[in-house]
C-alpha cells in the first residue's frame, strides 16, 4: 500500500510542510483549505460568503485532481473563527451537498492561517 500525493495548480500551493491531498487505499484526505485564490495567491475575503465560496472552489479542484467529487465526500471538518458565521457558512456549504451530506463537525477556533475566517478539510473516496 503506497500513498499518492495529490496536487493541482487549480488550488493554492501549500503554505507549509503538507500536501494538498493524499490518496491511499481508495480514500482521499484533503488538507484544510482557506480562501486563497490560486491564481493570485491573495485571500478572497471581502465577506464570509466570498471566503466560503473560494474555500469550496479550492476543495473542488483537489477533489477533481484526486479523482473524486463532492458526492463522494464522507467527512468534513469546518473551523470557524466566529460561530456567528455558522448559518451563512452552512447555507453556502449546503449548496454542494444536496443529497446524502457527509459526516461533519464545526468548531470555533481562536485563529486560522493568514487571518482567515473559515477553513475546511475533507475525507473522500475515489470514483
N, C-alpha and C. Protein backbone atom coordinates (compact mmCIF):
# COMPACT_ATOMS: atom_id res chain seq x y z
N UNK A 1 0.86 -1.17 0.00
CA UNK A 1 0.00 0.00 0.00
C UNK A 1 0.91 1.24 0.00
N UNK A 2 0.75 2.07 -1.02
CA UNK A 2 1.58 3.26 -1.14
C UNK A 2 0.70 4.50 -1.22
N UNK A 3 1.09 5.54 -0.51
CA UNK A 3 0.33 6.78 -0.58
C UNK A 3 0.73 7.56 -1.82
N UNK A 4 -0.24 8.32 -2.35
CA UNK A 4 -0.01 9.13 -3.54
C UNK A 4 -0.35 10.58 -3.20
N UNK A 5 0.57 11.48 -3.49
CA UNK A 5 0.35 12.90 -3.26
C UNK A 5 -0.54 13.44 -4.37
N UNK A 6 -1.54 14.22 -3.99
CA UNK A 6 -2.43 14.88 -4.94
C UNK A 6 -2.11 16.37 -4.91
N UNK A 7 -1.82 16.93 -6.07
CA UNK A 7 -1.50 18.35 -6.16
C UNK A 7 -2.06 18.92 -7.46
N UNK A 8 -2.62 20.11 -7.38
CA UNK A 8 -3.15 20.78 -8.56
C UNK A 8 -2.85 22.27 -8.47
N UNK A 9 -2.62 22.89 -9.60
CA UNK A 9 -2.41 24.34 -9.65
C UNK A 9 -3.74 25.09 -9.55
N UNK A 10 -4.86 24.35 -9.61
CA UNK A 10 -6.19 24.97 -9.50
C UNK A 10 -6.59 25.24 -8.05
N UNK A 11 -5.71 24.86 -7.12
CA UNK A 11 -5.90 25.15 -5.69
C UNK A 11 -4.60 25.76 -5.19
N UNK A 12 -4.66 26.49 -4.08
CA UNK A 12 -3.44 27.14 -3.60
C UNK A 12 -2.35 26.15 -3.22
N UNK A 13 -1.12 26.53 -3.50
CA UNK A 13 0.02 25.72 -3.08
C UNK A 13 0.06 25.69 -1.55
N UNK A 14 0.50 24.59 -0.99
CA UNK A 14 0.62 24.52 0.47
C UNK A 14 1.51 25.64 1.02
N UNK A 15 1.14 26.16 2.18
CA UNK A 15 1.92 27.23 2.81
C UNK A 15 2.77 26.69 3.96
N UNK A 16 2.97 25.39 3.96
CA UNK A 16 3.77 24.74 4.98
C UNK A 16 4.14 23.34 4.52
N UNK A 17 4.71 22.54 5.41
CA UNK A 17 5.13 21.18 5.05
C UNK A 17 3.97 20.19 5.07
N UNK A 18 3.10 20.30 4.08
CA UNK A 18 1.97 19.38 3.94
C UNK A 18 1.58 19.31 2.48
N UNK A 19 0.78 18.32 2.13
CA UNK A 19 0.28 18.13 0.77
C UNK A 19 -1.15 18.62 0.68
N UNK A 20 -1.57 19.04 -0.52
CA UNK A 20 -2.97 19.41 -0.72
C UNK A 20 -3.85 18.21 -0.41
N UNK A 21 -3.43 17.05 -0.87
CA UNK A 21 -4.19 15.84 -0.61
C UNK A 21 -3.30 14.62 -0.65
N UNK A 22 -3.76 13.57 -0.02
CA UNK A 22 -3.08 12.27 -0.02
C UNK A 22 -4.12 11.20 -0.31
N UNK A 23 -3.81 10.35 -1.29
CA UNK A 23 -4.67 9.20 -1.60
C UNK A 23 -4.01 7.94 -1.09
N UNK A 24 -4.82 7.12 -0.46
CA UNK A 24 -4.33 5.81 -0.01
C UNK A 24 -5.53 4.88 0.19
N UNK A 25 -5.40 3.69 -0.32
CA UNK A 25 -6.40 2.65 -0.10
C UNK A 25 -7.82 3.09 -0.46
N UNK A 26 -7.95 3.87 -1.56
CA UNK A 26 -9.27 4.29 -2.03
C UNK A 26 -9.82 5.54 -1.37
N UNK A 27 -9.08 6.10 -0.43
CA UNK A 27 -9.50 7.33 0.26
C UNK A 27 -8.66 8.51 -0.19
N UNK A 28 -9.26 9.67 -0.15
CA UNK A 28 -8.57 10.93 -0.44
C UNK A 28 -8.72 11.82 0.79
N UNK A 29 -7.60 12.17 1.39
CA UNK A 29 -7.56 13.05 2.56
C UNK A 29 -7.10 14.42 2.09
N UNK A 30 -7.95 15.42 2.23
CA UNK A 30 -7.64 16.77 1.75
C UNK A 30 -7.34 17.68 2.94
N UNK A 31 -6.17 18.33 2.86
CA UNK A 31 -5.78 19.27 3.90
C UNK A 31 -6.73 20.44 3.96
N UNK A 32 -6.79 21.08 5.12
CA UNK A 32 -7.64 22.24 5.30
C UNK A 32 -7.35 23.32 4.27
N UNK A 33 -8.41 23.86 3.70
CA UNK A 33 -8.29 24.91 2.69
C UNK A 33 -8.87 26.20 3.23
N UNK A 34 -8.17 27.29 2.92
CA UNK A 34 -8.67 28.63 3.25
C UNK A 34 -8.95 29.35 1.95
N UNK A 35 -9.24 30.63 2.02
CA UNK A 35 -9.77 31.37 0.87
C UNK A 35 -8.69 31.98 -0.04
N UNK A 36 -7.57 31.31 -0.19
CA UNK A 36 -6.52 31.80 -1.09
C UNK A 36 -6.94 31.52 -2.53
N UNK A 37 -6.87 32.55 -3.36
CA UNK A 37 -7.11 32.41 -4.79
C UNK A 37 -5.83 31.85 -5.40
N UNK A 38 -5.87 30.66 -6.01
CA UNK A 38 -4.64 30.06 -6.53
C UNK A 38 -4.01 30.85 -7.67
N UNK A 39 -4.79 31.64 -8.37
CA UNK A 39 -4.25 32.42 -9.49
C UNK A 39 -3.47 33.64 -9.02
N UNK A 40 -3.90 34.25 -7.92
CA UNK A 40 -3.24 35.48 -7.44
C UNK A 40 -2.42 35.27 -6.18
N UNK A 41 -2.70 34.21 -5.44
CA UNK A 41 -2.04 33.98 -4.17
C UNK A 41 -2.59 34.87 -3.05
N UNK A 42 -3.61 35.64 -3.36
CA UNK A 42 -4.20 36.57 -2.38
C UNK A 42 -5.47 35.96 -1.78
N UNK A 43 -5.80 36.43 -0.57
CA UNK A 43 -7.03 36.00 0.07
C UNK A 43 -8.23 36.63 -0.62
N UNK A 44 -9.29 35.86 -0.78
CA UNK A 44 -10.57 36.37 -1.27
C UNK A 44 -11.47 36.41 -0.04
N UNK A 45 -11.41 37.54 0.67
CA UNK A 45 -12.07 37.59 1.97
C UNK A 45 -12.81 38.91 2.23
N UNK A 46 -13.39 39.47 1.20
CA UNK A 46 -14.15 40.71 1.42
C UNK A 46 -15.42 40.46 2.23
N UNK A 47 -15.87 39.19 2.25
CA UNK A 47 -17.05 38.80 3.04
C UNK A 47 -16.91 37.33 3.39
N UNK A 48 -17.66 36.88 4.38
CA UNK A 48 -17.64 35.46 4.73
C UNK A 48 -18.18 34.64 3.57
N UNK A 49 -19.12 35.20 2.81
CA UNK A 49 -19.66 34.49 1.64
C UNK A 49 -18.56 34.26 0.59
N UNK A 50 -17.77 35.30 0.32
CA UNK A 50 -16.69 35.16 -0.66
C UNK A 50 -15.66 34.14 -0.16
N UNK A 51 -15.37 34.17 1.13
CA UNK A 51 -14.41 33.22 1.70
C UNK A 51 -14.87 31.79 1.51
N UNK A 52 -16.08 31.49 1.90
CA UNK A 52 -16.54 30.10 1.83
C UNK A 52 -16.63 29.63 0.38
N UNK A 53 -17.04 30.50 -0.53
CA UNK A 53 -17.09 30.12 -1.95
C UNK A 53 -15.70 29.77 -2.46
N UNK A 54 -14.68 30.54 -2.08
CA UNK A 54 -13.31 30.24 -2.53
C UNK A 54 -12.80 28.96 -1.89
N UNK A 55 -13.11 28.76 -0.62
CA UNK A 55 -12.70 27.53 0.05
C UNK A 55 -13.31 26.32 -0.67
N UNK A 56 -14.58 26.38 -0.99
CA UNK A 56 -15.24 25.25 -1.66
C UNK A 56 -14.68 25.05 -3.07
N UNK A 57 -14.35 26.13 -3.75
CA UNK A 57 -13.73 26.03 -5.08
C UNK A 57 -12.37 25.32 -4.97
N UNK A 58 -11.58 25.70 -3.96
CA UNK A 58 -10.28 25.07 -3.77
C UNK A 58 -10.44 23.58 -3.46
N UNK A 59 -11.38 23.25 -2.59
CA UNK A 59 -11.63 21.85 -2.26
C UNK A 59 -12.09 21.07 -3.50
N UNK A 60 -12.96 21.68 -4.30
CA UNK A 60 -13.45 21.03 -5.51
C UNK A 60 -12.33 20.72 -6.48
N UNK A 61 -11.36 21.62 -6.60
CA UNK A 61 -10.23 21.40 -7.51
C UNK A 61 -9.38 20.21 -7.05
N UNK A 62 -9.20 20.09 -5.75
CA UNK A 62 -8.41 18.97 -5.23
C UNK A 62 -9.19 17.67 -5.35
N UNK A 63 -10.49 17.72 -5.09
CA UNK A 63 -11.32 16.52 -5.30
C UNK A 63 -11.20 16.04 -6.74
N UNK A 64 -11.32 16.96 -7.69
CA UNK A 64 -11.24 16.61 -9.11
C UNK A 64 -9.89 15.99 -9.45
N UNK A 65 -8.83 16.63 -8.99
CA UNK A 65 -7.48 16.11 -9.26
C UNK A 65 -7.28 14.73 -8.65
N UNK A 66 -7.92 14.50 -7.51
CA UNK A 66 -7.80 13.22 -6.81
C UNK A 66 -8.81 12.18 -7.28
N UNK A 67 -9.49 12.46 -8.40
CA UNK A 67 -10.49 11.55 -8.98
C UNK A 67 -11.60 11.23 -7.98
N UNK A 68 -12.15 12.31 -7.41
CA UNK A 68 -13.28 12.19 -6.50
C UNK A 68 -14.25 13.33 -6.81
N UNK A 69 -15.21 13.56 -5.94
CA UNK A 69 -16.20 14.61 -6.17
C UNK A 69 -16.87 14.95 -4.83
N UNK A 70 -17.64 16.04 -4.85
CA UNK A 70 -18.38 16.41 -3.64
C UNK A 70 -19.33 15.28 -3.22
N UNK A 71 -19.89 14.54 -4.17
CA UNK A 71 -20.80 13.44 -3.86
C UNK A 71 -20.11 12.31 -3.10
N UNK A 72 -18.78 12.26 -3.19
CA UNK A 72 -18.04 11.18 -2.56
C UNK A 72 -17.31 11.60 -1.29
N UNK A 73 -17.59 12.82 -0.81
CA UNK A 73 -17.02 13.26 0.46
C UNK A 73 -17.76 12.54 1.59
N UNK A 74 -16.99 11.90 2.46
CA UNK A 74 -17.61 11.16 3.57
C UNK A 74 -17.46 11.86 4.91
N UNK A 75 -16.51 12.81 5.01
CA UNK A 75 -16.26 13.51 6.28
C UNK A 75 -15.74 14.91 5.98
N UNK A 76 -16.27 15.88 6.69
CA UNK A 76 -15.81 17.26 6.57
C UNK A 76 -15.56 17.81 7.97
N UNK A 77 -14.58 18.67 8.06
CA UNK A 77 -14.32 19.40 9.29
C UNK A 77 -14.28 20.88 8.95
N UNK A 78 -15.07 21.66 9.65
CA UNK A 78 -15.12 23.11 9.42
C UNK A 78 -14.60 23.81 10.67
N UNK A 79 -13.65 24.69 10.45
CA UNK A 79 -13.12 25.53 11.53
C UNK A 79 -13.58 26.96 11.26
N UNK A 80 -14.23 27.57 12.24
CA UNK A 80 -14.71 28.94 12.12
C UNK A 80 -14.06 29.81 13.18
N UNK A 81 -13.69 31.00 12.80
CA UNK A 81 -13.16 31.94 13.77
C UNK A 81 -14.28 32.55 14.61
N UNK A 82 -15.49 32.57 14.05
CA UNK A 82 -16.64 33.14 14.77
C UNK A 82 -17.87 32.28 14.49
N UNK A 83 -18.38 31.63 15.51
CA UNK A 83 -19.54 30.75 15.34
C UNK A 83 -20.78 31.52 14.88
N UNK A 84 -20.77 32.84 14.98
CA UNK A 84 -21.88 33.64 14.45
C UNK A 84 -21.97 33.54 12.93
N UNK A 85 -20.91 33.07 12.26
CA UNK A 85 -20.91 32.87 10.81
C UNK A 85 -21.48 31.50 10.43
N UNK A 86 -21.85 30.71 11.41
CA UNK A 86 -22.28 29.32 11.16
C UNK A 86 -23.40 29.23 10.14
N UNK A 87 -24.46 30.01 10.29
CA UNK A 87 -25.61 29.86 9.38
C UNK A 87 -25.25 30.28 7.95
N UNK A 88 -24.43 31.30 7.80
CA UNK A 88 -24.01 31.72 6.46
C UNK A 88 -23.14 30.65 5.80
N UNK A 89 -22.17 30.16 6.54
CA UNK A 89 -21.30 29.10 6.01
C UNK A 89 -22.13 27.86 5.71
N UNK A 90 -23.03 27.50 6.60
CA UNK A 90 -23.86 26.31 6.42
C UNK A 90 -24.71 26.40 5.15
N UNK A 91 -25.27 27.58 4.89
CA UNK A 91 -26.12 27.75 3.71
C UNK A 91 -25.33 27.55 2.42
N UNK A 92 -24.15 28.14 2.33
CA UNK A 92 -23.34 28.01 1.11
C UNK A 92 -22.77 26.60 1.00
N UNK A 93 -22.25 26.08 2.09
CA UNK A 93 -21.73 24.71 2.13
C UNK A 93 -22.80 23.72 1.68
N UNK A 94 -24.02 23.92 2.16
CA UNK A 94 -25.13 23.03 1.83
C UNK A 94 -25.45 22.96 0.35
N UNK A 95 -25.12 24.01 -0.40
CA UNK A 95 -25.35 24.00 -1.85
C UNK A 95 -24.51 22.93 -2.55
N UNK A 96 -23.44 22.50 -1.94
CA UNK A 96 -22.56 21.50 -2.52
C UNK A 96 -22.95 20.08 -2.14
N UNK A 97 -23.88 19.94 -1.20
CA UNK A 97 -24.28 18.63 -0.70
C UNK A 97 -25.80 18.55 -0.60
N UNK A 98 -26.45 18.47 -1.75
CA UNK A 98 -27.92 18.44 -1.80
C UNK A 98 -28.47 17.12 -1.25
N UNK A 99 -27.79 16.01 -1.57
CA UNK A 99 -28.25 14.68 -1.15
C UNK A 99 -27.17 13.99 -0.35
N UNK A 100 -27.54 13.31 0.69
CA UNK A 100 -26.61 12.50 1.47
C UNK A 100 -25.34 13.26 1.85
N UNK A 101 -25.46 14.35 2.62
CA UNK A 101 -24.26 15.10 3.00
C UNK A 101 -23.33 14.26 3.87
N UNK A 102 -22.05 14.63 3.88
CA UNK A 102 -21.08 13.85 4.66
C UNK A 102 -21.23 14.08 6.16
N UNK A 103 -20.62 13.21 6.92
CA UNK A 103 -20.49 13.44 8.37
C UNK A 103 -19.66 14.70 8.53
N UNK A 104 -19.86 15.41 9.66
CA UNK A 104 -19.18 16.71 9.79
C UNK A 104 -19.16 17.17 11.23
N UNK A 105 -18.15 17.97 11.55
CA UNK A 105 -18.18 18.76 12.76
C UNK A 105 -17.76 20.16 12.40
N UNK A 106 -18.25 21.11 13.18
CA UNK A 106 -17.90 22.52 13.02
C UNK A 106 -17.45 23.02 14.38
N UNK A 107 -16.25 23.59 14.41
CA UNK A 107 -15.72 24.07 15.68
C UNK A 107 -15.24 25.51 15.54
N UNK A 108 -15.39 26.26 16.62
CA UNK A 108 -14.87 27.62 16.65
C UNK A 108 -13.45 27.58 17.18
N UNK A 109 -12.57 28.33 16.50
CA UNK A 109 -11.16 28.40 16.90
C UNK A 109 -10.76 29.87 17.07
N UNK A 110 -9.69 30.11 17.78
CA UNK A 110 -9.30 31.49 18.05
C UNK A 110 -8.61 32.15 16.86
N UNK A 111 -7.90 31.35 16.05
CA UNK A 111 -7.21 31.90 14.88
C UNK A 111 -7.14 30.85 13.79
N UNK A 112 -7.00 31.33 12.55
CA UNK A 112 -6.77 30.47 11.40
C UNK A 112 -5.64 31.08 10.57
N UNK A 113 -5.01 30.29 9.71
CA UNK A 113 -3.90 30.81 8.91
C UNK A 113 -4.27 32.07 8.12
N UNK A 114 -3.34 33.00 8.09
CA UNK A 114 -3.45 34.24 7.31
C UNK A 114 -4.67 35.09 7.68
N UNK A 115 -5.22 34.88 8.89
CA UNK A 115 -6.36 35.68 9.32
C UNK A 115 -7.68 35.26 8.71
N UNK A 116 -7.73 34.08 8.12
CA UNK A 116 -8.98 33.58 7.51
C UNK A 116 -10.06 33.42 8.57
N UNK A 117 -11.31 33.43 8.10
CA UNK A 117 -12.44 33.22 8.99
C UNK A 117 -12.95 31.79 8.97
N UNK A 118 -12.58 31.04 7.90
CA UNK A 118 -13.06 29.67 7.76
C UNK A 118 -11.98 28.81 7.10
N UNK A 119 -11.89 27.56 7.55
CA UNK A 119 -11.02 26.55 6.96
C UNK A 119 -11.79 25.25 6.96
N UNK A 120 -11.70 24.50 5.85
CA UNK A 120 -12.43 23.23 5.74
C UNK A 120 -11.49 22.16 5.22
N UNK A 121 -11.57 20.96 5.80
CA UNK A 121 -10.85 19.79 5.28
C UNK A 121 -11.87 18.70 4.98
N UNK A 122 -11.48 17.78 4.09
CA UNK A 122 -12.37 16.70 3.65
C UNK A 122 -11.65 15.35 3.71
N UNK A 123 -12.44 14.32 3.86
CA UNK A 123 -12.07 12.95 3.56
C UNK A 123 -13.09 12.46 2.53
N UNK A 124 -12.60 11.93 1.42
CA UNK A 124 -13.49 11.46 0.35
C UNK A 124 -13.01 10.09 -0.11
N UNK A 125 -13.83 9.45 -0.93
CA UNK A 125 -13.43 8.19 -1.56
C UNK A 125 -13.26 8.46 -3.05
N UNK A 126 -12.48 7.58 -3.69
CA UNK A 126 -12.24 7.71 -5.13
C UNK A 126 -13.47 7.27 -5.93
N UNK A 127 -13.58 7.79 -7.14
CA UNK A 127 -14.65 7.36 -8.04
C UNK A 127 -14.41 5.93 -8.46
